[in-house]
């Protein structure tokens, strides 16, 4: 396993920090750990599907920056959220994309 650390800052203010296993054999599940903040809630998940849109807002960071950001968010009182809700949103987005491709 070879990890790289990344941060995604979306225009709407939402941020992700994540570790990516660049040697992952499954290209659909490239992210090893994700930390997502959205209005004071944080999710920690063991996988994350590849998202082409988010790649535009993503940059590499150091391991130290990753853990410092994680620590800062926790010290600010960010609480753990429901990863199931995130998975549901992603599943709906992916299904909508497949339907669009079939209609085209």
N, C-alpha and C. Protein backbone atom coordinates (compact mmCIF):
# COMPACT_ATOMS: atom_id res chain seq x y z
N UNK A 1 0.84 -1.16 0.00
CA UNK A 1 0.00 0.00 0.00
C UNK A 1 0.89 1.24 0.00
N UNK A 2 0.59 2.16 -0.92
CA UNK A 2 1.32 3.42 -0.99
C UNK A 2 0.31 4.55 -0.86
N UNK A 3 0.40 5.28 0.24
CA UNK A 3 -0.58 6.33 0.51
C UNK A 3 -0.08 7.70 0.09
N UNK A 4 -0.99 8.48 -0.46
CA UNK A 4 -0.77 9.91 -0.69
C UNK A 4 -1.90 10.64 0.04
N UNK A 5 -1.62 11.84 0.48
CA UNK A 5 -2.57 12.62 1.25
C UNK A 5 -3.07 13.77 0.39
N UNK A 6 -4.38 14.02 0.46
CA UNK A 6 -4.97 15.00 -0.42
C UNK A 6 -6.01 15.83 0.32
N UNK A 7 -6.27 17.00 -0.23
CA UNK A 7 -7.31 17.87 0.30
C UNK A 7 -8.13 18.39 -0.86
N UNK A 8 -9.45 18.35 -0.70
CA UNK A 8 -10.38 18.87 -1.69
C UNK A 8 -11.13 20.02 -1.07
N UNK A 9 -11.08 21.18 -1.69
CA UNK A 9 -11.81 22.36 -1.21
C UNK A 9 -12.80 22.77 -2.30
N UNK A 10 -14.08 22.45 -2.10
CA UNK A 10 -15.11 22.79 -3.07
C UNK A 10 -15.46 24.27 -2.99
N UNK A 11 -15.96 24.86 -4.08
CA UNK A 11 -16.32 26.29 -4.09
C UNK A 11 -17.39 26.64 -3.04
N UNK A 12 -18.24 25.69 -2.66
CA UNK A 12 -19.30 25.98 -1.69
C UNK A 12 -18.81 25.96 -0.24
N UNK A 13 -17.50 25.75 -0.02
CA UNK A 13 -16.94 25.77 1.32
C UNK A 13 -16.77 24.41 1.96
N UNK A 14 -17.31 23.38 1.35
CA UNK A 14 -17.14 22.02 1.88
C UNK A 14 -15.72 21.55 1.62
N UNK A 15 -15.15 20.81 2.56
CA UNK A 15 -13.78 20.33 2.40
C UNK A 15 -13.67 18.85 2.72
N UNK A 16 -12.78 18.19 2.01
CA UNK A 16 -12.44 16.80 2.29
C UNK A 16 -10.94 16.76 2.56
N UNK A 17 -10.52 15.88 3.45
CA UNK A 17 -9.12 15.47 3.48
C UNK A 17 -9.14 13.96 3.39
N UNK A 18 -8.20 13.40 2.69
CA UNK A 18 -8.25 11.96 2.47
C UNK A 18 -6.88 11.37 2.23
N UNK A 19 -6.81 10.08 2.48
CA UNK A 19 -5.64 9.30 2.13
C UNK A 19 -6.03 8.44 0.94
N UNK A 20 -5.19 8.37 -0.04
CA UNK A 20 -5.48 7.54 -1.22
C UNK A 20 -4.40 6.48 -1.35
N UNK A 21 -4.85 5.25 -1.53
CA UNK A 21 -3.92 4.15 -1.79
C UNK A 21 -3.71 4.12 -3.31
N UNK A 22 -2.57 4.61 -3.78
CA UNK A 22 -2.33 4.68 -5.22
C UNK A 22 -2.03 3.32 -5.83
N UNK A 23 -1.84 2.31 -5.01
CA UNK A 23 -1.62 0.96 -5.52
C UNK A 23 -2.88 0.10 -5.45
N UNK A 24 -4.02 0.71 -5.20
CA UNK A 24 -5.28 -0.02 -5.07
C UNK A 24 -5.62 -0.72 -6.39
N UNK A 25 -5.98 -2.02 -6.34
CA UNK A 25 -6.31 -2.74 -7.57
C UNK A 25 -7.69 -2.38 -8.12
N UNK A 26 -8.54 -1.74 -7.32
CA UNK A 26 -9.88 -1.38 -7.75
C UNK A 26 -9.95 0.11 -8.04
N UNK A 27 -10.02 0.52 -9.30
CA UNK A 27 -10.02 1.95 -9.63
C UNK A 27 -11.28 2.68 -9.17
N UNK A 28 -12.36 1.95 -8.89
CA UNK A 28 -13.59 2.59 -8.43
C UNK A 28 -13.52 2.99 -6.96
N UNK A 29 -12.67 2.31 -6.17
CA UNK A 29 -12.57 2.60 -4.74
C UNK A 29 -11.14 2.98 -4.41
N UNK A 30 -10.75 4.15 -4.86
CA UNK A 30 -9.35 4.54 -4.75
C UNK A 30 -8.98 5.18 -3.43
N UNK A 31 -9.94 5.65 -2.67
CA UNK A 31 -9.63 6.36 -1.44
C UNK A 31 -9.70 5.43 -0.24
N UNK A 32 -8.64 5.38 0.52
CA UNK A 32 -8.54 4.49 1.67
C UNK A 32 -9.31 5.04 2.87
N UNK A 33 -9.12 6.30 3.16
CA UNK A 33 -9.83 6.94 4.28
C UNK A 33 -10.27 8.32 3.83
N UNK A 34 -11.48 8.69 4.16
CA UNK A 34 -11.99 10.02 3.83
C UNK A 34 -12.43 10.71 5.10
N UNK A 35 -12.12 11.97 5.20
CA UNK A 35 -12.66 12.81 6.26
C UNK A 35 -13.36 13.96 5.57
N UNK A 36 -14.65 14.10 5.78
CA UNK A 36 -15.46 15.10 5.09
C UNK A 36 -16.08 16.04 6.10
N UNK A 37 -16.00 17.33 5.86
CA UNK A 37 -16.71 18.26 6.73
C UNK A 37 -17.77 18.96 5.90
N UNK A 38 -18.90 19.17 6.53
CA UNK A 38 -19.99 19.88 5.87
C UNK A 38 -20.84 20.49 6.98
N UNK A 39 -20.73 21.79 7.17
CA UNK A 39 -21.48 22.51 8.20
C UNK A 39 -21.27 21.92 9.59
N UNK A 40 -20.05 21.65 9.93
CA UNK A 40 -19.74 21.21 11.28
C UNK A 40 -19.90 19.73 11.55
N UNK A 41 -20.11 18.92 10.52
CA UNK A 41 -20.22 17.48 10.70
C UNK A 41 -19.08 16.81 9.97
N UNK A 42 -18.54 15.76 10.55
CA UNK A 42 -17.42 15.07 9.93
C UNK A 42 -17.74 13.59 9.79
N UNK A 43 -17.42 13.03 8.63
CA UNK A 43 -17.58 11.60 8.39
C UNK A 43 -16.21 10.98 8.20
N UNK A 44 -16.03 9.79 8.71
CA UNK A 44 -14.82 9.02 8.45
C UNK A 44 -15.27 7.72 7.83
N UNK A 45 -14.75 7.39 6.68
CA UNK A 45 -15.19 6.21 5.95
C UNK A 45 -13.98 5.41 5.51
N UNK A 46 -14.17 4.14 5.19
CA UNK A 46 -13.06 3.29 4.80
C UNK A 46 -12.87 3.22 3.30
N UNK A 47 -13.78 3.76 2.54
CA UNK A 47 -13.61 3.80 1.09
C UNK A 47 -14.34 5.01 0.54
N UNK A 48 -14.01 5.35 -0.68
CA UNK A 48 -14.69 6.45 -1.35
C UNK A 48 -14.55 6.25 -2.84
N UNK A 49 -15.63 6.27 -3.57
CA UNK A 49 -15.53 6.05 -5.02
C UNK A 49 -14.86 7.23 -5.73
N UNK A 50 -14.22 6.94 -6.82
CA UNK A 50 -13.58 7.97 -7.64
C UNK A 50 -14.63 8.96 -8.09
N UNK A 51 -14.36 10.23 -7.97
CA UNK A 51 -15.29 11.28 -8.36
C UNK A 51 -14.53 12.28 -9.23
N UNK A 52 -14.84 12.26 -10.52
CA UNK A 52 -14.13 13.11 -11.47
C UNK A 52 -14.27 14.60 -11.15
N UNK A 53 -15.47 15.01 -10.71
CA UNK A 53 -15.69 16.42 -10.40
C UNK A 53 -14.79 16.89 -9.26
N UNK A 54 -14.68 16.08 -8.21
CA UNK A 54 -13.88 16.50 -7.05
C UNK A 54 -12.40 16.59 -7.37
N UNK A 55 -11.95 15.84 -8.38
CA UNK A 55 -10.54 15.87 -8.75
C UNK A 55 -10.10 17.28 -9.17
N UNK A 56 -11.03 18.08 -9.69
CA UNK A 56 -10.69 19.44 -10.13
C UNK A 56 -10.32 20.34 -8.96
N UNK A 57 -10.81 20.01 -7.77
CA UNK A 57 -10.58 20.85 -6.60
C UNK A 57 -9.61 20.21 -5.60
N UNK A 58 -8.94 19.16 -6.02
CA UNK A 58 -8.10 18.38 -5.11
C UNK A 58 -6.63 18.65 -5.36
N UNK A 59 -5.87 18.74 -4.25
CA UNK A 59 -4.42 18.90 -4.36
C UNK A 59 -3.76 18.00 -3.32
N UNK A 60 -2.53 17.65 -3.59
CA UNK A 60 -1.77 16.82 -2.64
C UNK A 60 -1.30 17.67 -1.48
N UNK A 61 -1.31 17.06 -0.30
CA UNK A 61 -0.79 17.70 0.90
C UNK A 61 0.13 16.70 1.59
N UNK A 62 0.86 17.17 2.56
CA UNK A 62 1.75 16.27 3.29
C UNK A 62 0.96 15.50 4.35
N UNK A 63 1.54 14.42 4.82
CA UNK A 63 0.90 13.66 5.89
C UNK A 63 0.70 14.54 7.13
N UNK A 64 1.69 15.37 7.42
CA UNK A 64 1.60 16.28 8.56
C UNK A 64 0.42 17.24 8.40
N UNK A 65 0.25 17.80 7.20
CA UNK A 65 -0.88 18.71 6.95
C UNK A 65 -2.22 17.99 7.12
N UNK A 66 -2.28 16.74 6.67
CA UNK A 66 -3.50 15.94 6.81
C UNK A 66 -3.89 15.83 8.28
N UNK A 67 -2.95 15.37 9.11
CA UNK A 67 -3.26 15.14 10.51
C UNK A 67 -3.47 16.44 11.27
N UNK A 68 -2.79 17.51 10.88
CA UNK A 68 -3.01 18.81 11.51
C UNK A 68 -4.42 19.32 11.22
N UNK A 69 -4.86 19.17 9.97
CA UNK A 69 -6.21 19.59 9.60
C UNK A 69 -7.24 18.77 10.37
N UNK A 70 -7.04 17.45 10.42
CA UNK A 70 -7.94 16.57 11.16
C UNK A 70 -8.02 17.02 12.62
N UNK A 71 -6.88 17.28 13.23
CA UNK A 71 -6.82 17.71 14.63
C UNK A 71 -7.53 19.05 14.81
N UNK A 72 -7.29 20.00 13.90
CA UNK A 72 -7.93 21.32 13.99
C UNK A 72 -9.45 21.19 13.94
N UNK A 73 -9.95 20.36 13.01
CA UNK A 73 -11.39 20.18 12.90
C UNK A 73 -11.97 19.59 14.18
N UNK A 74 -11.28 18.60 14.75
CA UNK A 74 -11.77 17.97 15.99
C UNK A 74 -11.75 18.98 17.15
N UNK A 75 -10.70 19.81 17.23
CA UNK A 75 -10.62 20.80 18.30
C UNK A 75 -11.70 21.87 18.16
N UNK A 76 -12.16 22.12 16.95
CA UNK A 76 -13.23 23.10 16.72
C UNK A 76 -14.60 22.51 17.03
N UNK A 77 -14.63 21.24 17.44
CA UNK A 77 -15.89 20.63 17.84
C UNK A 77 -16.64 19.93 16.73
N UNK A 78 -15.98 19.67 15.63
CA UNK A 78 -16.62 18.94 14.54
C UNK A 78 -16.96 17.54 15.05
N UNK A 79 -18.19 17.10 14.81
CA UNK A 79 -18.64 15.81 15.32
C UNK A 79 -18.76 14.80 14.18
N UNK A 80 -18.71 13.52 14.54
CA UNK A 80 -18.85 12.47 13.53
C UNK A 80 -20.28 12.41 13.02
N UNK A 81 -20.42 12.20 11.72
CA UNK A 81 -21.73 12.13 11.10
C UNK A 81 -22.06 10.72 10.63
N UNK A 82 -23.11 10.62 9.83
CA UNK A 82 -23.63 9.34 9.37
C UNK A 82 -23.08 9.03 7.98
N UNK A 83 -22.15 8.10 7.89
CA UNK A 83 -21.55 7.72 6.61
C UNK A 83 -22.57 7.10 5.67
N UNK A 84 -23.61 6.50 6.22
CA UNK A 84 -24.67 5.91 5.40
C UNK A 84 -25.37 6.94 4.54
N UNK A 85 -25.57 8.15 5.09
CA UNK A 85 -26.20 9.22 4.31
C UNK A 85 -25.32 9.62 3.13
N UNK A 86 -24.01 9.68 3.38
CA UNK A 86 -23.08 10.03 2.31
C UNK A 86 -23.13 8.96 1.22
N UNK A 87 -23.12 7.69 1.61
CA UNK A 87 -23.17 6.59 0.64
C UNK A 87 -24.46 6.64 -0.17
N UNK A 88 -25.56 6.98 0.47
CA UNK A 88 -26.85 7.07 -0.22
C UNK A 88 -26.83 8.18 -1.27
N UNK A 89 -26.28 9.33 -0.91
CA UNK A 89 -26.19 10.46 -1.85
C UNK A 89 -25.33 10.07 -3.05
N UNK A 90 -24.20 9.42 -2.78
CA UNK A 90 -23.32 9.00 -3.87
C UNK A 90 -23.99 7.98 -4.77
N UNK A 91 -24.73 7.06 -4.18
CA UNK A 91 -25.43 6.04 -4.97
C UNK A 91 -26.47 6.68 -5.87
N UNK A 92 -27.22 7.64 -5.34
CA UNK A 92 -28.21 8.34 -6.17
C UNK A 92 -27.55 9.11 -7.30
N UNK A 93 -26.43 9.76 -7.01
CA UNK A 93 -25.71 10.53 -8.04
C UNK A 93 -25.22 9.61 -9.15
N UNK A 94 -24.67 8.46 -8.74
CA UNK A 94 -24.15 7.50 -9.72
C UNK A 94 -25.28 6.92 -10.58
N UNK A 95 -26.42 6.60 -9.96
CA UNK A 95 -27.56 6.07 -10.69
C UNK A 95 -28.09 7.11 -11.69
N UNK A 96 -28.18 8.37 -11.25
CA UNK A 96 -28.64 9.43 -12.14
C UNK A 96 -27.70 9.58 -13.34
N UNK A 97 -26.40 9.45 -13.09
CA UNK A 97 -25.42 9.56 -14.17
C UNK A 97 -25.59 8.42 -15.18
N UNK A 98 -25.82 7.20 -14.68
CA UNK A 98 -26.03 6.05 -15.58
C UNK A 98 -27.28 6.22 -16.41
N UNK A 99 -28.35 6.74 -15.79
CA UNK A 99 -29.61 6.98 -16.52
C UNK A 99 -29.40 8.01 -17.61
N UNK A 100 -28.65 9.08 -17.30
CA UNK A 100 -28.35 10.11 -18.30
C UNK A 100 -27.58 9.52 -19.47
N UNK A 101 -26.60 8.66 -19.18
CA UNK A 101 -25.80 8.04 -20.25
C UNK A 101 -26.65 7.14 -21.12
N UNK A 102 -27.62 6.44 -20.54
CA UNK A 102 -28.50 5.55 -21.31
C UNK A 102 -29.44 6.37 -22.20
N UNK A 103 -29.89 7.52 -21.71
CA UNK A 103 -30.81 8.36 -22.47
C UNK A 103 -30.11 9.06 -23.63
N UNK A 104 -28.81 9.24 -23.52
CA UNK A 104 -28.06 9.98 -24.55
C UNK A 104 -27.85 9.15 -25.80
